[in-house]
Amino acid sequence: MTRCTNSLLSVAGLAALVVVGSAFTAPGEPLPKAPATARLAVTTPAKPTDRPSVVLGDAQQSINIDWRVLAGLDYTNGKATDTLKKLEGKVVRIPGFVVPLDDFQEEGAEFLLVPYYGACVHTPPPPPNQIVMVEMSGKKAVKLNLFDAVWMSGTLKIASVESPYGTVGYTLQGLKVEPYSSK
């Protein structure tokens, strides 16, 4: 039974890796053309009946973004796309994988968020525009599991930070970590 469960988790992790990793883009690499209706990677819930992922105060919701939006930062000169500039200081929700800052750390209030499993760990790190330094609000420790894809919600800042795994292009004041799903 354990082997079957582990295989199933591996398939689920691989599927999340493909979905999240497919949005990985290196600087200068053109994004694939998409229909006009699909060009913006910034989304909000489609219907008022949809449950928002983060609610702050009365009605502020997070904005779902993907790694293509974060690739809009040219880390060689610090310039960002207009879309990215508009997200500065906003509450966003990003899919990704957690990388603890200390080896074998099982929980913590500070960690990295990366677009694909294994990034930064025993491999060259992704470019800075594909790494987010997360600090949980109130220094609240959360469970850190390298193998599970998550949705990370929090306030986004464009900021260059040095981490044990390399230069980071963003900071996020973390509000919520939840298991990854396609919703």
Protein backbone atom coordinates (compact mmCIF):
# COMPACT_ATOMS: atom_id res chain seq x y z
CA MET A 1 0.00 0.00 0.00
CA THR A 2 2.82 2.40 0.84
CA ARG A 3 4.50 1.84 -2.53
CA CYS A 4 1.22 2.55 -4.36
CA THR A 5 0.66 5.74 -2.35
CA ASN A 6 4.22 6.92 -2.97
CA SER A 7 3.85 6.23 -6.71
CA LEU A 8 0.59 8.15 -6.77
CA LEU A 9 2.18 11.07 -4.93
CA SER A 10 5.10 10.97 -7.33
CA VAL A 11 2.75 11.15 -10.32
CA ALA A 12 0.87 14.04 -8.71
CA GLY A 13 4.14 15.82 -7.94
CA LEU A 14 5.35 15.25 -11.49
CA ALA A 15 2.11 16.64 -12.91
CA ALA A 16 2.46 19.75 -10.74
CA LEU A 17 6.09 20.04 -11.81
CA VAL A 18 5.10 19.98 -15.48
CA VAL A 19 2.37 22.60 -14.95
CA VAL A 20 4.49 24.90 -12.79
CA GLY A 21 7.77 24.26 -14.64
CA SER A 22 6.23 24.93 -18.04
CA ALA A 23 5.92 28.59 -17.09
CA PHE A 24 9.69 28.87 -16.50
CA THR A 25 11.26 31.38 -18.86
CA ALA A 26 14.83 32.63 -18.99
CA PRO A 27 15.47 36.34 -19.53
CA GLY A 28 15.51 37.34 -23.17
CA GLU A 29 13.66 34.18 -24.17
CA PRO A 30 10.43 35.17 -25.91
CA LEU A 31 7.17 33.98 -24.43
CA PRO A 32 4.95 31.92 -26.70
CA LYS A 33 2.22 33.91 -28.42
CA ALA A 34 -1.19 33.42 -26.93
CA PRO A 35 -4.65 34.55 -28.03
CA ALA A 36 -5.52 38.08 -26.89
CA THR A 37 -7.90 36.69 -24.27
CA ALA A 38 -5.15 34.56 -22.74
CA ARG A 39 -2.22 37.01 -22.88
CA LEU A 40 -2.56 38.37 -19.39
CA ALA A 41 -1.32 35.91 -16.81
CA VAL A 42 -2.81 37.99 -14.00
CA THR A 43 -6.22 36.64 -13.08
CA THR A 44 -8.90 37.09 -10.48
CA PRO A 45 -11.81 34.76 -9.66
CA ALA A 46 -14.21 34.61 -12.61
CA LYS A 47 -17.44 34.63 -10.62
CA PRO A 48 -18.40 36.40 -7.40
CA THR A 49 -19.40 32.98 -6.03
CA ASP A 50 -15.79 31.72 -6.31
CA ARG A 51 -14.06 31.57 -2.93
CA PRO A 52 -11.10 34.00 -2.84
CA SER A 53 -7.79 32.44 -1.86
CA VAL A 54 -6.88 35.23 0.55
CA VAL A 55 -9.14 37.76 2.19
CA LEU A 56 -7.64 40.72 4.00
CA GLY A 57 -9.83 43.17 5.81
CA ASP A 58 -13.15 43.41 4.04
CA ALA A 59 -12.76 42.38 0.41
CA GLN A 60 -9.13 42.46 -0.79
CA GLN A 61 -8.36 39.32 -2.83
CA SER A 62 -5.10 37.87 -4.03
CA ILE A 63 -4.19 38.01 -7.71
CA ASN A 64 -3.18 34.69 -9.26
CA ILE A 65 0.07 35.02 -11.19
CA ASP A 66 2.48 32.57 -12.76
CA TRP A 67 6.21 32.47 -13.33
CA ARG A 68 5.93 34.09 -16.78
CA VAL A 69 4.81 37.28 -15.05
CA LEU A 70 7.79 37.12 -12.69
CA ALA A 71 10.08 36.56 -15.70
CA GLY A 72 9.14 40.15 -16.62
CA LEU A 73 11.97 41.35 -14.38
CA ASP A 74 15.24 41.91 -16.24
CA TYR A 75 17.54 41.12 -13.33
CA THR A 76 20.61 42.38 -15.21
CA ASN A 77 19.38 45.99 -15.05
CA GLY A 78 16.45 45.88 -12.60
CA LYS A 79 13.82 46.91 -15.15
CA ALA A 80 10.37 45.37 -14.87
CA THR A 81 7.39 45.12 -17.20
CA ASP A 82 4.40 47.40 -16.58
CA THR A 83 2.34 44.39 -15.49
CA LEU A 84 4.97 43.47 -12.92
CA LYS A 85 5.26 47.06 -11.67
CA LYS A 86 1.49 47.13 -11.08
CA LEU A 87 1.82 44.05 -8.84
CA GLU A 88 4.38 45.74 -6.55
CA GLY A 89 2.89 45.80 -3.04
CA LYS A 90 -0.19 43.77 -4.07
CA VAL A 91 -1.34 40.48 -2.57
CA VAL A 92 -0.56 37.75 -5.11
CA ARG A 93 -0.89 33.97 -5.24
CA ILE A 94 1.91 32.00 -6.91
CA PRO A 95 2.23 28.24 -7.49
CA GLY A 96 5.62 26.72 -6.76
CA PHE A 97 7.86 24.58 -4.63
CA VAL A 98 9.34 25.45 -1.24
CA VAL A 99 13.11 25.39 -0.66
CA PRO A 100 14.13 25.59 3.02
CA LEU A 101 17.08 27.89 3.71
CA ASP A 102 18.72 25.28 5.96
CA ASP A 103 19.30 21.65 5.02
CA PHE A 104 16.79 19.22 6.52
CA GLN A 105 14.64 22.07 7.87
CA GLU A 106 11.08 20.76 8.32
CA GLU A 107 9.39 24.04 9.19
CA GLY A 108 10.25 27.69 9.16
CA ALA A 109 9.09 31.25 8.67
CA GLU A 110 11.63 32.07 5.91
CA PHE A 111 12.18 30.04 2.76
CA LEU A 112 12.43 30.29 -1.01
CA LEU A 113 9.67 29.67 -3.54
CA VAL A 114 10.77 28.34 -6.93
CA PRO A 115 8.93 27.27 -10.10
CA TYR A 116 10.00 23.63 -10.23
CA TYR A 117 10.91 20.81 -7.87
CA GLY A 118 14.56 20.60 -6.90
CA ALA A 119 15.51 24.11 -7.99
CA CYS A 120 18.46 25.42 -5.95
CA VAL A 121 19.10 22.07 -4.28
CA HIS A 122 22.28 20.43 -5.63
CA THR A 123 21.72 22.12 -9.01
CA PRO A 124 22.48 25.58 -10.34
CA PRO A 125 19.76 27.93 -9.11
CA PRO A 126 17.18 29.43 -11.45
CA PRO A 127 17.72 33.06 -12.49
CA PRO A 128 16.79 35.69 -9.86
CA ASN A 129 13.48 36.46 -11.60
CA GLN A 130 12.44 32.88 -10.89
CA ILE A 131 13.14 32.84 -7.12
CA VAL A 132 11.02 34.44 -4.40
CA MET A 133 12.25 34.93 -0.82
CA VAL A 134 9.26 34.35 1.47
CA GLU A 135 9.01 35.63 5.03
CA MET A 136 5.80 34.59 6.73
CA SER A 137 3.84 37.38 8.36
CA GLY A 138 4.42 37.47 12.11
CA LYS A 139 7.33 35.02 11.66
CA LYS A 140 4.74 32.22 11.73
CA ALA A 141 6.48 28.91 10.99
CA VAL A 142 4.93 26.69 8.32
CA LYS A 143 5.67 23.10 7.29
CA LEU A 144 8.33 22.98 4.56
CA ASN A 145 8.10 19.99 2.23
CA LEU A 146 10.33 19.99 -0.85
CA PHE A 147 8.22 17.43 -2.67
CA ASP A 148 4.80 19.11 -2.63
CA ALA A 149 3.68 21.90 -4.94
CA VAL A 150 1.97 24.75 -3.08
CA TRP A 151 0.09 27.98 -3.65
CA MET A 152 1.88 30.79 -1.80
CA SER A 153 -0.09 33.96 -1.08
CA GLY A 154 1.37 37.24 0.16
CA THR A 155 2.46 40.79 -0.61
CA LEU A 156 4.93 40.94 -3.51
CA LYS A 157 7.96 43.26 -3.64
CA ILE A 158 10.54 43.51 -6.40
CA ALA A 159 13.77 43.38 -4.45
CA SER A 160 17.18 41.82 -5.02
CA VAL A 161 18.21 39.72 -2.02
CA GLU A 162 21.15 37.36 -1.48
CA SER A 163 20.18 33.92 -0.22
CA PRO A 164 22.26 30.83 0.57
CA TYR A 165 21.23 29.55 -2.88
CA GLY A 166 21.94 32.67 -4.93
CA THR A 167 20.44 36.02 -5.81
CA VAL A 168 16.68 36.35 -5.44
CA GLY A 169 14.59 38.83 -7.47
CA TYR A 170 11.53 39.12 -5.22
CA THR A 171 10.39 39.12 -1.63
CA LEU A 172 6.96 38.04 -0.46
CA GLN A 173 5.42 38.81 2.92
CA GLY A 174 3.72 35.42 3.24
CA LEU A 175 0.12 35.22 4.36
CA LYS A 176 -0.95 31.71 3.43
CA VAL A 177 0.49 28.44 2.13
CA GLU A 178 -1.92 25.88 0.75
CA PRO A 179 -1.56 22.61 -1.21
CA TYR A 180 -1.40 23.11 -4.97
CA SER A 181 -4.53 22.45 -7.01
CA SER A 182 -5.47 23.63 -10.47
CA LYS A 183 -7.95 26.10 -8.95
